[in-house]
Protein backbone atom coordinates (compact mmCIF):
# COMPACT_ATOMS: atom_id res chain seq x y z
CA UNK A 1 0.00 0.00 0.00
CA UNK A 2 1.33 3.43 -0.93
CA UNK A 3 1.77 5.92 1.89
CA UNK A 4 -0.71 8.80 2.10
CA UNK A 5 1.00 11.91 0.70
CA UNK A 6 1.23 15.04 2.78
CA UNK A 7 -0.47 18.18 1.57
CA UNK A 8 2.91 19.72 0.74
CA UNK A 9 3.92 16.66 -1.30
CA UNK A 10 0.58 16.69 -3.10
CA UNK A 11 0.87 20.38 -3.94
CA UNK A 12 4.40 19.88 -5.26
CA UNK A 13 3.37 16.89 -7.41
CA UNK A 14 0.22 18.61 -8.71
CA UNK A 15 2.21 21.73 -9.53
CA UNK A 16 4.68 19.70 -11.57
CA UNK A 17 1.99 17.66 -13.34
CA UNK A 18 -0.03 20.74 -14.27
CA UNK A 19 2.99 22.78 -15.26
CA UNK A 20 2.05 25.50 -12.79
CA UNK A 21 5.14 26.30 -10.74
CA UNK A 22 4.66 27.70 -7.26
CA UNK A 23 7.31 30.21 -6.30
CA UNK A 24 9.01 29.46 -2.97
CA UNK A 25 7.76 32.73 -1.48
CA UNK A 26 4.15 31.70 -2.30
CA UNK A 27 4.28 28.09 -1.12
CA UNK A 28 3.11 28.82 2.43
CA UNK A 29 0.13 30.85 1.21
CA UNK A 30 -0.83 28.22 -1.36
CA UNK A 31 -0.61 25.50 1.32
CA UNK A 32 -2.80 27.58 3.65
CA UNK A 33 -5.41 28.12 0.92
CA UNK A 34 -5.32 24.40 0.11
CA UNK A 35 -5.93 23.58 3.79
CA UNK A 36 -8.96 25.91 3.83
CA UNK A 37 -10.33 24.23 0.70
CA UNK A 38 -9.85 20.84 2.34
CA UNK A 39 -11.82 21.97 5.39
CA UNK A 40 -14.64 23.22 3.16
CA UNK A 41 -14.64 20.00 1.16
CA UNK A 42 -14.94 17.94 4.36
CA UNK A 43 -18.05 19.92 5.33
CA UNK A 44 -19.67 18.83 2.07
CA UNK A 45 -18.49 15.22 1.96
CA UNK A 46 -19.26 14.50 5.63
CA UNK A 47 -22.81 15.88 5.44
CA UNK A 48 -25.14 12.90 5.55
CA UNK A 49 -28.26 12.83 3.45
CA UNK A 50 -31.34 10.73 4.13
CA UNK A 51 -31.43 7.45 2.20
CA UNK A 52 -34.80 8.29 0.62
CA UNK A 53 -33.75 11.67 -0.81
CA UNK A 54 -34.32 12.23 -4.52
CA UNK A 55 -32.22 14.48 -6.68
CA UNK A 56 -34.02 17.34 -8.37
CA UNK A 57 -34.24 16.84 -12.14
CA UNK A 58 -33.24 20.45 -12.76
CA UNK A 59 -32.17 23.39 -10.63
CA UNK A 60 -34.37 26.42 -11.09
CA UNK A 61 -33.37 29.45 -9.02
C-alpha atoms as a PDB file:
ATOM      1  CA  UNK A   1       0.000   0.000   0.000  1.00  0.00           C
ATOM      2  CA  UNK A   2       1.327   3.426  -0.930  1.00  0.00           C
ATOM      3  CA  UNK A   3       1.770   5.923   1.892  1.00  0.00           C
ATOM      4  CA  UNK A   4      -0.706   8.799   2.099  1.00  0.00           C
ATOM      5  CA  UNK A   5       1.002  11.911   0.703  1.00  0.00           C
ATOM      6  CA  UNK A   6       1.231  15.036   2.781  1.00  0.00           C
ATOM      7  CA  UNK A   7      -0.473  18.183   1.569  1.00  0.00           C
ATOM      8  CA  UNK A   8       2.909  19.718   0.737  1.00  0.00           C
ATOM      9  CA  UNK A   9       3.923  16.663  -1.299  1.00  0.00           C
ATOM     10  CA  UNK A  10       0.576  16.690  -3.097  1.00  0.00           C
ATOM     11  CA  UNK A  11       0.872  20.383  -3.938  1.00  0.00           C
ATOM     12  CA  UNK A  12       4.396  19.884  -5.264  1.00  0.00           C
ATOM     13  CA  UNK A  13       3.370  16.893  -7.408  1.00  0.00           C
ATOM     14  CA  UNK A  14       0.224  18.606  -8.706  1.00  0.00           C
ATOM     15  CA  UNK A  15       2.207  21.729  -9.532  1.00  0.00           C
ATOM     16  CA  UNK A  16       4.679  19.696 -11.572  1.00  0.00           C
ATOM     17  CA  UNK A  17       1.992  17.657 -13.342  1.00  0.00           C
ATOM     18  CA  UNK A  18      -0.029  20.738 -14.266  1.00  0.00           C
ATOM     19  CA  UNK A  19       2.990  22.781 -15.264  1.00  0.00           C
ATOM     20  CA  UNK A  20       2.052  25.502 -12.787  1.00  0.00           C
ATOM     21  CA  UNK A  21       5.139  26.303 -10.744  1.00  0.00           C
ATOM     22  CA  UNK A  22       4.656  27.696  -7.257  1.00  0.00           C
ATOM     23  CA  UNK A  23       7.314  30.206  -6.296  1.00  0.00           C
ATOM     24  CA  UNK A  24       9.014  29.460  -2.974  1.00  0.00           C
ATOM     25  CA  UNK A  25       7.755  32.730  -1.480  1.00  0.00           C
ATOM     26  CA  UNK A  26       4.154  31.703  -2.300  1.00  0.00           C
ATOM     27  CA  UNK A  27       4.281  28.087  -1.115  1.00  0.00           C
ATOM     28  CA  UNK A  28       3.114  28.822   2.435  1.00  0.00           C
ATOM     29  CA  UNK A  29       0.129  30.853   1.206  1.00  0.00           C
ATOM     30  CA  UNK A  30      -0.830  28.216  -1.365  1.00  0.00           C
ATOM     31  CA  UNK A  31      -0.610  25.502   1.315  1.00  0.00           C
ATOM     32  CA  UNK A  32      -2.796  27.583   3.651  1.00  0.00           C
ATOM     33  CA  UNK A  33      -5.405  28.120   0.917  1.00  0.00           C
ATOM     34  CA  UNK A  34      -5.323  24.397   0.114  1.00  0.00           C
ATOM     35  CA  UNK A  35      -5.934  23.582   3.792  1.00  0.00           C
ATOM     36  CA  UNK A  36      -8.961  25.910   3.834  1.00  0.00           C
ATOM     37  CA  UNK A  37     -10.328  24.231   0.702  1.00  0.00           C
ATOM     38  CA  UNK A  38      -9.846  20.841   2.341  1.00  0.00           C
ATOM     39  CA  UNK A  39     -11.822  21.970   5.385  1.00  0.00           C
ATOM     40  CA  UNK A  40     -14.642  23.223   3.159  1.00  0.00           C
ATOM     41  CA  UNK A  41     -14.642  19.998   1.156  1.00  0.00           C
ATOM     42  CA  UNK A  42     -14.936  17.936   4.355  1.00  0.00           C
ATOM     43  CA  UNK A  43     -18.047  19.921   5.327  1.00  0.00           C
ATOM     44  CA  UNK A  44     -19.672  18.826   2.068  1.00  0.00           C
ATOM     45  CA  UNK A  45     -18.494  15.221   1.958  1.00  0.00           C
ATOM     46  CA  UNK A  46     -19.265  14.499   5.625  1.00  0.00           C
ATOM     47  CA  UNK A  47     -22.807  15.880   5.444  1.00  0.00           C
ATOM     48  CA  UNK A  48     -25.137  12.904   5.548  1.00  0.00           C
ATOM     49  CA  UNK A  49     -28.262  12.834   3.445  1.00  0.00           C
ATOM     50  CA  UNK A  50     -31.338  10.729   4.135  1.00  0.00           C
ATOM     51  CA  UNK A  51     -31.432   7.448   2.199  1.00  0.00           C
ATOM     52  CA  UNK A  52     -34.795   8.294   0.623  1.00  0.00           C
ATOM     53  CA  UNK A  53     -33.751  11.669  -0.810  1.00  0.00           C
ATOM     54  CA  UNK A  54     -34.321  12.233  -4.525  1.00  0.00           C
ATOM     55  CA  UNK A  55     -32.223  14.477  -6.683  1.00  0.00           C
ATOM     56  CA  UNK A  56     -34.024  17.339  -8.368  1.00  0.00           C
ATOM     57  CA  UNK A  57     -34.245  16.835 -12.136  1.00  0.00           C
ATOM     58  CA  UNK A  58     -33.236  20.453 -12.764  1.00  0.00           C
ATOM     59  CA  UNK A  59     -32.165  23.385 -10.631  1.00  0.00           C
ATOM     60  CA  UNK A  60     -34.371  26.422 -11.093  1.00  0.00           C
ATOM     61  CA  UNK A  61     -33.371  29.448  -9.025  1.00  0.00           C
END
